[in-house]
Amino acid sequence: MSRRTPTKRVSIDGKPWRIKIQRPPARESYDGLCVKDDRTIYIHPDAIGHRGIELACHEIVHARLFDLDEECVDEIGRLVSEVCNWLARQNDGVIG
């Protein structure tokens, strides 16, 4: 029996996207990857514990603002992750 890939369906800019907890295809050294052509975001399973929120934020920014430079995407991803983690700590680990 094969294990199913955890997948979250989301709407980005009014279009359906998938976020998968799966090794990014053909780029094994990446922790996250946004593939615009098939509207899929990949988050490496080994990165979930220590960088999952930051990676998800980073790749979602890429999906919505694909032409934004990497430095800006990094800053937004890091900032949103930092605030989400801070809010979770203020609320017993729950982000609402």
PDB file of N, CA and C in Angstrom:
ATOM      1  N   MET A   1       0.844  -1.189   0.000  1.00  0.00           N
ATOM      2  CA  MET A   1       0.000   0.000   0.000  1.00  0.00           C
ATOM      3  C   MET A   1       0.889   1.252   0.000  1.00  0.00           C
ATOM      4  N   SER A   2       0.679   2.145  -0.938  1.00  0.00           N
ATOM      5  CA  SER A   2       1.492   3.355  -1.009  1.00  0.00           C
ATOM      6  C   SER A   2       0.887   4.452  -0.133  1.00  0.00           C
ATOM      7  N   ARG A   3       1.777   5.287   0.382  1.00  0.00           N
ATOM      8  CA  ARG A   3       1.344   6.412   1.197  1.00  0.00           C
ATOM      9  C   ARG A   3       0.920   7.569   0.310  1.00  0.00           C
ATOM     10  N   ARG A   4      -0.181   8.199   0.656  1.00  0.00           N
ATOM     11  CA  ARG A   4      -0.659   9.350  -0.118  1.00  0.00           C
ATOM     12  C   ARG A   4       0.149  10.587   0.243  1.00  0.00           C
ATOM     13  N   THR A   5       0.382  11.415  -0.743  1.00  0.00           N
ATOM     14  CA  THR A   5       1.091  12.668  -0.527  1.00  0.00           C
ATOM     15  C   THR A   5       0.140  13.668   0.119  1.00  0.00           C
ATOM     16  N   PRO A   6       0.497  14.201   1.306  1.00  0.00           N
ATOM     17  CA  PRO A   6      -0.364  15.225   1.913  1.00  0.00           C
ATOM     18  C   PRO A   6      -0.476  16.432   0.972  1.00  0.00           C
ATOM     19  N   THR A   7      -1.710  16.787   0.651  1.00  0.00           N
ATOM     20  CA  THR A   7      -1.960  17.858  -0.316  1.00  0.00           C
ATOM     21  C   THR A   7      -3.044  18.788   0.207  1.00  0.00           C
ATOM     22  N   LYS A   8      -2.798  20.083   0.098  1.00  0.00           N
ATOM     23  CA  LYS A   8      -3.772  21.108   0.471  1.00  0.00           C
ATOM     24  C   LYS A   8      -4.143  21.870  -0.791  1.00  0.00           C
ATOM     25  N   ARG A   9      -5.425  21.952  -1.077  1.00  0.00           N
ATOM     26  CA  ARG A   9      -5.897  22.724  -2.229  1.00  0.00           C
ATOM     27  C   ARG A   9      -6.218  24.143  -1.761  1.00  0.00           C
ATOM     28  N   VAL A  10      -5.709  25.111  -2.507  1.00  0.00           N
ATOM     29  CA  VAL A  10      -5.912  26.519  -2.169  1.00  0.00           C
ATOM     30  C   VAL A  10      -6.233  27.297  -3.444  1.00  0.00           C
ATOM     31  N   SER A  11      -6.750  28.508  -3.261  1.00  0.00           N
ATOM     32  CA  SER A  11      -7.000  29.405  -4.383  1.00  0.00           C
ATOM     33  C   SER A  11      -6.007  30.558  -4.283  1.00  0.00           C
ATOM     34  N   ILE A  12      -5.226  30.758  -5.336  1.00  0.00           N
ATOM     35  CA  ILE A  12      -4.266  31.858  -5.393  1.00  0.00           C
ATOM     36  C   ILE A  12      -4.587  32.663  -6.644  1.00  0.00           C
ATOM     37  N   ASP A  13      -4.904  33.925  -6.453  1.00  0.00           N
ATOM     38  CA  ASP A  13      -5.297  34.809  -7.553  1.00  0.00           C
ATOM     39  C   ASP A  13      -6.476  34.226  -8.330  1.00  0.00           C
ATOM     40  N   GLY A  14      -7.400  33.590  -7.595  1.00  0.00           N
ATOM     41  CA  GLY A  14      -8.610  33.049  -8.196  1.00  0.00           C
ATOM     42  C   GLY A  14      -8.428  31.747  -8.958  1.00  0.00           C
ATOM     43  N   LYS A  15      -7.245  31.160  -8.860  1.00  0.00           N
ATOM     44  CA  LYS A  15      -6.974  29.907  -9.574  1.00  0.00           C
ATOM     45  C   LYS A  15      -6.662  28.796  -8.574  1.00  0.00           C
ATOM     46  N   PRO A  16      -7.054  27.562  -8.895  1.00  0.00           N
ATOM     47  CA  PRO A  16      -6.769  26.451  -7.978  1.00  0.00           C
ATOM     48  C   PRO A  16      -5.286  26.065  -8.004  1.00  0.00           C
ATOM     49  N   TRP A  17      -4.716  25.942  -6.829  1.00  0.00           N
ATOM     50  CA  TRP A  17      -3.330  25.501  -6.650  1.00  0.00           C
ATOM     51  C   TRP A  17      -3.325  24.334  -5.670  1.00  0.00           C
ATOM     52  N   ARG A  18      -2.242  23.583  -5.687  1.00  0.00           N
ATOM     53  CA  ARG A  18      -2.039  22.512  -4.707  1.00  0.00           C
ATOM     54  C   ARG A  18      -0.725  22.764  -3.980  1.00  0.00           C
ATOM     55  N   ILE A  19      -0.739  22.540  -2.673  1.00  0.00           N
ATOM     56  CA  ILE A  19       0.489  22.560  -1.884  1.00  0.00           C
ATOM     57  C   ILE A  19       0.721  21.123  -1.448  1.00  0.00           C
ATOM     58  N   LYS A  20       1.870  20.572  -1.831  1.00  0.00           N
ATOM     59  CA  LYS A  20       2.171  19.172  -1.531  1.00  0.00           C
ATOM     60  C   LYS A  20       3.384  19.073  -0.614  1.00  0.00           C
ATOM     61  N   ILE A  21       3.270  18.228   0.385  1.00  0.00           N
ATOM     62  CA  ILE A  21       4.427  17.903   1.209  1.00  0.00           C
ATOM     63  C   ILE A  21       5.103  16.733   0.514  1.00  0.00           C
ATOM     64  N   GLN A  22       6.071  17.091  -0.313  1.00  0.00           N
ATOM     65  CA  GLN A  22       6.727  16.115  -1.180  1.00  0.00           C
ATOM     66  C   GLN A  22       8.054  16.709  -1.654  1.00  0.00           C
ATOM     67  N   ARG A  23       9.033  15.867  -1.849  1.00  0.00           N
ATOM     68  CA  ARG A  23      10.321  16.323  -2.379  1.00  0.00           C
ATOM     69  C   ARG A  23      10.082  17.025  -3.723  1.00  0.00           C
ATOM     70  N   PRO A  24      10.618  18.250  -3.890  1.00  0.00           N
ATOM     71  CA  PRO A  24      10.439  18.939  -5.168  1.00  0.00           C
ATOM     72  C   PRO A  24      11.011  18.115  -6.321  1.00  0.00           C
ATOM     73  N   PRO A  25      10.262  17.976  -7.408  1.00  0.00           N
ATOM     74  CA  PRO A  25      10.723  17.152  -8.527  1.00  0.00           C
ATOM     75  C   PRO A  25      11.954  17.754  -9.210  1.00  0.00           C
ATOM     76  N   ALA A  26      12.896  16.897  -9.533  1.00  0.00           N
ATOM     77  CA  ALA A  26      14.089  17.258 -10.305  1.00  0.00           C
ATOM     78  C   ALA A  26      14.990  18.289  -9.631  1.00  0.00           C
ATOM     79  N   ARG A  27      14.684  18.653  -8.411  1.00  0.00           N
ATOM     80  CA  ARG A  27      15.512  19.641  -7.706  1.00  0.00           C
ATOM     81  C   ARG A  27      15.653  19.196  -6.257  1.00  0.00           C
ATOM     82  N   GLU A  28      16.309  18.102  -6.060  1.00  0.00           N
ATOM     83  CA  GLU A  28      16.355  17.476  -4.742  1.00  0.00           C
ATOM     84  C   GLU A  28      17.009  18.337  -3.674  1.00  0.00           C
ATOM     85  N   SER A  29      17.822  19.312  -4.071  1.00  0.00           N
ATOM     86  CA  SER A  29      18.481  20.140  -3.063  1.00  0.00           C
ATOM     87  C   SER A  29      17.586  21.286  -2.581  1.00  0.00           C
ATOM     88  N   TYR A  30      16.426  21.464  -3.184  1.00  0.00           N
ATOM     89  CA  TYR A  30      15.512  22.532  -2.787  1.00  0.00           C
ATOM     90  C   TYR A  30      14.624  22.065  -1.639  1.00  0.00           C
ATOM     91  N   ASP A  31      14.357  22.984  -0.689  1.00  0.00           N
ATOM     92  CA  ASP A  31      13.398  22.686   0.383  1.00  0.00           C
ATOM     93  C   ASP A  31      11.977  23.024  -0.048  1.00  0.00           C
ATOM     94  N   GLY A  32      11.833  23.944  -0.987  1.00  0.00           N
ATOM     95  CA  GLY A  32      10.522  24.324  -1.493  1.00  0.00           C
ATOM     96  C   GLY A  32      10.626  24.727  -2.949  1.00  0.00           C
ATOM     97  N   LEU A  33       9.508  24.602  -3.652  1.00  0.00           N
ATOM     98  CA  LEU A  33       9.509  24.944  -5.073  1.00  0.00           C
ATOM     99  C   LEU A  33       8.092  25.314  -5.502  1.00  0.00           C
ATOM    100  N   CYS A  34       7.978  26.385  -6.272  1.00  0.00           N
ATOM    101  CA  CYS A  34       6.708  26.809  -6.863  1.00  0.00           C
ATOM    102  C   CYS A  34       6.774  26.524  -8.358  1.00  0.00           C
ATOM    103  N   VAL A  35       5.887  25.651  -8.841  1.00  0.00           N
ATOM    104  CA  VAL A  35       5.842  25.320 -10.269  1.00  0.00           C
ATOM    105  C   VAL A  35       4.597  25.987 -10.852  1.00  0.00           C
ATOM    106  N   LYS A  36       4.816  27.106 -11.510  1.00  0.00           N
ATOM    107  CA  LYS A  36       3.714  27.921 -12.022  1.00  0.00           C
ATOM    108  C   LYS A  36       2.893  27.181 -13.080  1.00  0.00           C
ATOM    109  N   ASP A  37       3.567  26.430 -13.964  1.00  0.00           N
ATOM    110  CA  ASP A  37       2.872  25.770 -15.077  1.00  0.00           C
ATOM    111  C   ASP A  37       1.785  24.802 -14.631  1.00  0.00           C
ATOM    112  N   ASP A  38       2.038  24.063 -13.547  1.00  0.00           N
ATOM    113  CA  ASP A  38       0.990  23.131 -13.088  1.00  0.00           C
ATOM    114  C   ASP A  38       0.365  23.570 -11.758  1.00  0.00           C
ATOM    115  N   ARG A  39       0.649  24.838 -11.372  1.00  0.00           N
ATOM    116  CA  ARG A  39       0.068  25.434 -10.160  1.00  0.00           C
ATOM    117  C   ARG A  39       0.205  24.507  -8.946  1.00  0.00           C
ATOM    118  N   THR A  40       1.456  24.128  -8.696  1.00  0.00           N
ATOM    119  CA  THR A  40       1.758  23.262  -7.556  1.00  0.00           C
ATOM    120  C   THR A  40       2.936  23.829  -6.781  1.00  0.00           C
ATOM    121  N   ILE A  41       2.797  23.819  -5.459  1.00  0.00           N
ATOM    122  CA  ILE A  41       3.876  24.199  -4.551  1.00  0.00           C
ATOM    123  C   ILE A  41       4.323  22.932  -3.842  1.00  0.00           C
ATOM    124  N   TYR A  42       5.632  22.704  -3.825  1.00  0.00           N
ATOM    125  CA  TYR A  42       6.204  21.539  -3.149  1.00  0.00           C
ATOM    126  C   TYR A  42       6.981  22.006  -1.925  1.00  0.00           C
ATOM    127  N   ILE A  43       6.744  21.339  -0.807  1.00  0.00           N
ATOM    128  CA  ILE A  43       7.499  21.572   0.417  1.00  0.00           C
ATOM    129  C   ILE A  43       8.160  20.245   0.782  1.00  0.00           C
ATOM    130  N   HIS A  44       9.482  20.253   0.902  1.00  0.00           N
ATOM    131  CA  HIS A  44      10.220  19.022   1.208  1.00  0.00           C
ATOM    132  C   HIS A  44       9.817  18.519   2.599  1.00  0.00           C
ATOM    133  N   PRO A  45       9.482  17.229   2.730  1.00  0.00           N
ATOM    134  CA  PRO A  45       9.052  16.682   4.029  1.00  0.00           C
ATOM    135  C   PRO A  45      10.082  16.873   5.140  1.00  0.00           C
ATOM    136  N   ASP A  46      11.366  16.835   4.803  1.00  0.00           N
ATOM    137  CA  ASP A  46      12.409  16.994   5.824  1.00  0.00           C
ATOM    138  C   ASP A  46      12.499  18.419   6.355  1.00  0.00           C
ATOM    139  N   ALA A  47      11.903  19.381   5.660  1.00  0.00           N
ATOM    140  CA  ALA A  47      11.981  20.785   6.066  1.00  0.00           C
ATOM    141  C   ALA A  47      10.770  21.239   6.871  1.00  0.00           C
ATOM    142  N   ILE A  48       9.747  20.418   6.953  1.00  0.00           N
ATOM    143  CA  ILE A  48       8.500  20.812   7.624  1.00  0.00           C
ATOM    144  C   ILE A  48       8.737  21.232   9.071  1.00  0.00           C
ATOM    145  N   GLY A  49       9.473  20.435   9.811  1.00  0.00           N
ATOM    146  CA  GLY A  49       9.643  20.692  11.236  1.00  0.00           C
ATOM    147  C   GLY A  49      10.308  22.003  11.574  1.00  0.00           C
ATOM    148  N   HIS A  50      11.317  22.384  10.822  1.00  0.00           N
ATOM    149  CA  HIS A  50      12.065  23.582  11.194  1.00  0.00           C
ATOM    150  C   HIS A  50      11.790  24.804  10.323  1.00  0.00           C
ATOM    151  N   ARG A  51      11.236  24.608   9.128  1.00  0.00           N
ATOM    152  CA  ARG A  51      11.010  25.749   8.235  1.00  0.00           C
ATOM    153  C   ARG A  51       9.699  25.683   7.476  1.00  0.00           C
ATOM    154  N   GLY A  52       8.802  24.823   7.849  1.00  0.00           N
ATOM    155  CA  GLY A  52       7.592  24.598   7.067  1.00  0.00           C
ATOM    156  C   GLY A  52       6.767  25.838   6.795  1.00  0.00           C
ATOM    157  N   ILE A  53       6.494  26.619   7.830  1.00  0.00           N
ATOM    158  CA  ILE A  53       5.670  27.819   7.653  1.00  0.00           C
ATOM    159  C   ILE A  53       6.390  28.831   6.769  1.00  0.00           C
ATOM    160  N   GLU A  54       7.675  29.025   7.030  1.00  0.00           N
ATOM    161  CA  GLU A  54       8.433  29.983   6.222  1.00  0.00           C
ATOM    162  C   GLU A  54       8.470  29.567   4.750  1.00  0.00           C
ATOM    163  N   LEU A  55       8.700  28.284   4.498  1.00  0.00           N
ATOM    164  CA  LEU A  55       8.731  27.795   3.113  1.00  0.00           C
ATOM    165  C   LEU A  55       7.375  27.958   2.432  1.00  0.00           C
ATOM    166  N   ALA A  56       6.307  27.616   3.146  1.00  0.00           N
ATOM    167  CA  ALA A  56       4.969  27.763   2.567  1.00  0.00           C
ATOM    168  C   ALA A  56       4.695  29.226   2.223  1.00  0.00           C
ATOM    169  N   CYS A  57       5.002  30.133   3.138  1.00  0.00           N
ATOM    170  CA  CYS A  57       4.797  31.566   2.876  1.00  0.00           C
ATOM    171  C   CYS A  57       5.616  32.013   1.671  1.00  0.00           C
ATOM    172  N   HIS A  58       6.875  31.616   1.633  1.00  0.00           N
ATOM    173  CA  HIS A  58       7.781  31.986   0.544  1.00  0.00           C
ATOM    174  C   HIS A  58       7.233  31.521  -0.810  1.00  0.00           C
ATOM    175  N   GLU A  59       6.833  30.267  -0.874  1.00  0.00           N
ATOM    176  CA  GLU A  59       6.366  29.713  -2.153  1.00  0.00           C
ATOM    177  C   GLU A  59       5.002  30.276  -2.558  1.00  0.00           C
ATOM    178  N   ILE A  60       4.150  30.594  -1.589  1.00  0.00           N
ATOM    179  CA  ILE A  60       2.861  31.224  -1.899  1.00  0.00           C
ATOM    180  C   ILE A  60       3.090  32.617  -2.490  1.00  0.00           C
ATOM    181  N   VAL A  61       4.060  33.352  -1.949  1.00  0.00           N
ATOM    182  CA  VAL A  61       4.398  34.660  -2.525  1.00  0.00           C
ATOM    183  C   VAL A  61       4.862  34.481  -3.970  1.00  0.00           C
ATOM    184  N   HIS A  62       5.710  33.482  -4.227  1.00  0.00           N
ATOM    185  CA  HIS A  62       6.125  33.205  -5.612  1.00  0.00           C
ATOM    186  C   HIS A  62       4.911  32.932  -6.501  1.00  0.00           C
ATOM    187  N   ALA A  63       3.974  32.137  -6.003  1.00  0.00           N
ATOM    188  CA  ALA A  63       2.802  31.770  -6.802  1.00  0.00           C
ATOM    189  C   ALA A  63       1.975  32.999  -7.177  1.00  0.00           C
ATOM    190  N   ARG A  64       1.817  33.911  -6.246  1.00  0.00           N
ATOM    191  CA  ARG A  64       0.968  35.087  -6.474  1.00  0.00           C
ATOM    192  C   ARG A  64       1.700  36.204  -7.211  1.00  0.00           C
ATOM    193  N   LEU A  65       2.991  36.349  -6.908  1.00  0.00           N
ATOM    194  CA  LEU A  65       3.799  37.442  -7.465  1.00  0.00           C
ATOM    195  C   LEU A  65       5.052  36.844  -8.102  1.00  0.00           C
ATOM    196  N   PHE A  66       4.864  36.083  -9.165  1.00  0.00           N
ATOM    197  CA  PHE A  66       5.928  35.250  -9.721  1.00  0.00           C
ATOM    198  C   PHE A  66       7.156  36.045 -10.164  1.00  0.00           C
ATOM    199  N   ASP A  67       6.985  37.279 -10.597  1.00  0.00           N
ATOM    200  CA  ASP A  67       8.111  38.070 -11.101  1.00  0.00           C
ATOM    201  C   ASP A  67       8.845  38.856 -10.018  1.00  0.00           C
ATOM    202  N   LEU A  68       8.396  38.749  -8.783  1.00  0.00           N
ATOM    203  CA  LEU A  68       9.052  39.448  -7.678  1.00  0.00           C
ATOM    204  C   LEU A  68      10.441  38.862  -7.449  1.00  0.00           C
ATOM    205  N   ASP A  69      11.422  39.711  -7.153  1.00  0.00           N
ATOM    206  CA  ASP A  69      12.786  39.214  -6.990  1.00  0.00           C
ATOM    207  C   ASP A  69      12.917  38.364  -5.714  1.00  0.00           C
ATOM    208  N   GLU A  70      13.880  37.465  -5.747  1.00  0.00           N
ATOM    209  CA  GLU A  70      14.055  36.471  -4.681  1.00  0.00           C
ATOM    210  C   GLU A  70      14.305  37.110  -3.315  1.00  0.00           C
ATOM    211  N   GLU A  71      15.031  38.198  -3.270  1.00  0.00           N
ATOM    212  CA  GLU A  71      15.314  38.878  -2.007  1.00  0.00           C
ATOM    213  C   GLU A  71      14.021  39.359  -1.344  1.00  0.00           C
ATOM    214  N   CYS A  72      13.136  39.930  -2.121  1.00  0.00           N
ATOM    215  CA  CYS A  72      11.852  40.408  -1.604  1.00  0.00           C
ATOM    216  C   CYS A  72      10.978  39.236  -1.153  1.00  0.00           C
ATOM    217  N   VAL A  73      10.941  38.168  -1.949  1.00  0.00           N
ATOM    218  CA  VAL A  73      10.165  36.972  -1.586  1.00  0.00           C
ATOM    219  C   VAL A  73      10.689  36.386  -0.279  1.00  0.00           C
ATOM    220  N   ASP A  74      12.016  36.314  -0.132  1.00  0.00           N
ATOM    221  CA  ASP A  74      12.616  35.813   1.113  1.00  0.00           C
ATOM    222  C   ASP A  74      12.181  36.652   2.310  1.00  0.00           C
ATOM    223  N   GLU A  75      12.234  37.976   2.151  1.00  0.00           N
ATOM    224  CA  GLU A  75      11.874  38.874   3.247  1.00  0.00           C
ATOM    225  C   GLU A  75      10.413  38.701   3.652  1.00  0.00           C
ATOM    226  N   ILE A  76       9.512  38.663   2.686  1.00  0.00           N
ATOM    227  CA  ILE A  76       8.088  38.497   2.990  1.00  0.00           C
ATOM    228  C   ILE A  76       7.839  37.143   3.645  1.00  0.00           C
ATOM    229  N   GLY A  77       8.403  36.074   3.093  1.00  0.00           N
ATOM    230  CA  GLY A  77       8.225  34.740   3.668  1.00  0.00           C
ATOM    231  C   GLY A  77       8.717  34.657   5.096  1.00  0.00           C
ATOM    232  N   ARG A  78       9.896  35.225   5.339  1.00  0.00           N
ATOM    233  CA  ARG A  78      10.482  35.205   6.680  1.00  0.00           C
ATOM    234  C   ARG A  78       9.627  36.012   7.663  1.00  0.00           C
ATOM    235  N   LEU A  79       9.188  37.198   7.251  1.00  0.00           N
ATOM    236  CA  LEU A  79       8.396  38.067   8.121  1.00  0.00           C
ATOM    237  C   LEU A  79       7.045  37.443   8.466  1.00  0.00           C
ATOM    238  N   VAL A  80       6.329  36.936   7.466  1.00  0.00           N
ATOM    239  CA  VAL A  80       5.021  36.319   7.723  1.00  0.00           C
ATOM    240  C   VAL A  80       5.188  35.097   8.621  1.00  0.00           C
ATOM    241  N   SER A  81       6.214  34.296   8.381  1.00  0.00           N
ATOM    242  CA  SER A  81       6.488  33.128   9.215  1.00  0.00           C
ATOM    243  C   SER A  81       6.776  33.535  10.658  1.00  0.00           C
ATOM    244  N   GLU A  82       7.607  34.554  10.819  1.00  0.00           N
ATOM    245  CA  GLU A  82       7.955  35.036  12.157  1.00  0.00           C
ATOM    246  C   GLU A  82       6.709  35.479  12.919  1.00  0.00           C
ATOM    247  N   VAL A  83       5.838  36.233  12.267  1.00  0.00           N
ATOM    248  CA  VAL A  83       4.616  36.719  12.917  1.00  0.00           C
ATOM    249  C   VAL A  83       3.665  35.559  13.219  1.00  0.00           C
ATOM    250  N   CYS A  84       3.502  34.610  12.294  1.00  0.00           N
ATOM    251  CA  CYS A  84       2.638  33.440  12.542  1.00  0.00           C
ATOM    252  C   CYS A  84       3.139  32.636  13.735  1.00  0.00           C
ATOM    253  N   ASN A  85       4.441  32.398  13.792  1.00  0.00           N
ATOM    254  CA  ASN A  85       5.003  31.651  14.918  1.00  0.00           C
ATOM    255  C   ASN A  85       4.841  32.412  16.229  1.00  0.00           C
ATOM    256  N   TRP A  86       5.024  33.724  16.205  1.00  0.00           N
ATOM    257  CA  TRP A  86       4.836  34.539  17.393  1.00  0.00           C
ATOM    258  C   TRP A  86       3.377  34.483  17.859  1.00  0.00           C
ATOM    259  N   LEU A  87       2.441  34.621  16.915  1.00  0.00           N
ATOM    260  CA  LEU A  87       1.016  34.539  17.269  1.00  0.00           C
ATOM    261  C   LEU A  87       0.670  33.174  17.859  1.00  0.00           C
ATOM    262  N   ALA A  88       1.228  32.122  17.301  1.00  0.00           N
ATOM    263  CA  ALA A  88       0.973  30.774  17.828  1.00  0.00           C
ATOM    264  C   ALA A  88       1.473  30.657  19.264  1.00  0.00           C
ATOM    265  N   ARG A  89       2.647  31.209  19.547  1.00  0.00           N
ATOM    266  CA  ARG A  89       3.180  31.150  20.923  1.00  0.00           C
ATOM    267  C   ARG A  89       2.292  31.929  21.894  1.00  0.00           C
ATOM    268  N   GLN A  90       1.652  32.983  21.421  1.00  0.00           N
ATOM    269  CA  GLN A  90       0.771  33.776  22.279  1.00  0.00           C
ATOM    270  C   GLN A  90      -0.539  33.055  22.565  1.00  0.00           C
ATOM    271  N   ASN A  91      -0.850  32.031  21.764  1.00  0.00           N
ATOM    272  CA  ASN A  91      -2.143  31.353  21.850  1.00  0.00           C
ATOM    273  C   ASN A  91      -1.973  29.842  22.007  1.00  0.00           C
ATOM    274  N   ASP A  92      -1.043  29.428  22.859  1.00  0.00           N
ATOM    275  CA  ASP A  92      -0.811  28.005  23.148  1.00  0.00           C
ATOM    276  C   ASP A  92      -0.588  27.166  21.895  1.00  0.00           C
ATOM    277  N   GLY A  93       0.140  27.707  20.931  1.00  0.00           N
ATOM    278  CA  GLY A  93       0.499  26.946  19.741  1.00  0.00           C
ATOM    279  C   GLY A  93      -0.541  26.924  18.646  1.00  0.00           C
ATOM    280  N   VAL A  94      -1.644  27.631  18.844  1.00  0.00           N
ATOM    281  CA  VAL A  94      -2.727  27.606  17.854  1.00  0.00           C
ATOM    282  C   VAL A  94      -2.722  28.907  17.056  1.00  0.00           C
ATOM    283  N   ILE A  95      -2.756  28.765  15.740  1.00  0.00           N
ATOM    284  CA  ILE A  95      -2.905  29.937  14.876  1.00  0.00           C
ATOM    285  C   ILE A  95      -4.330  29.914  14.357  1.00  0.00           C
ATOM    286  N   GLY A  96      -5.081  30.994  14.587  1.00  0.00           N
ATOM    287  CA  GLY A  96      -6.485  31.001  14.195  1.00  0.00           C
ATOM    288  C   GLY A  96      -6.787  31.906  13.059  1.00  0.00           C
TER     289      GLY A  96
END
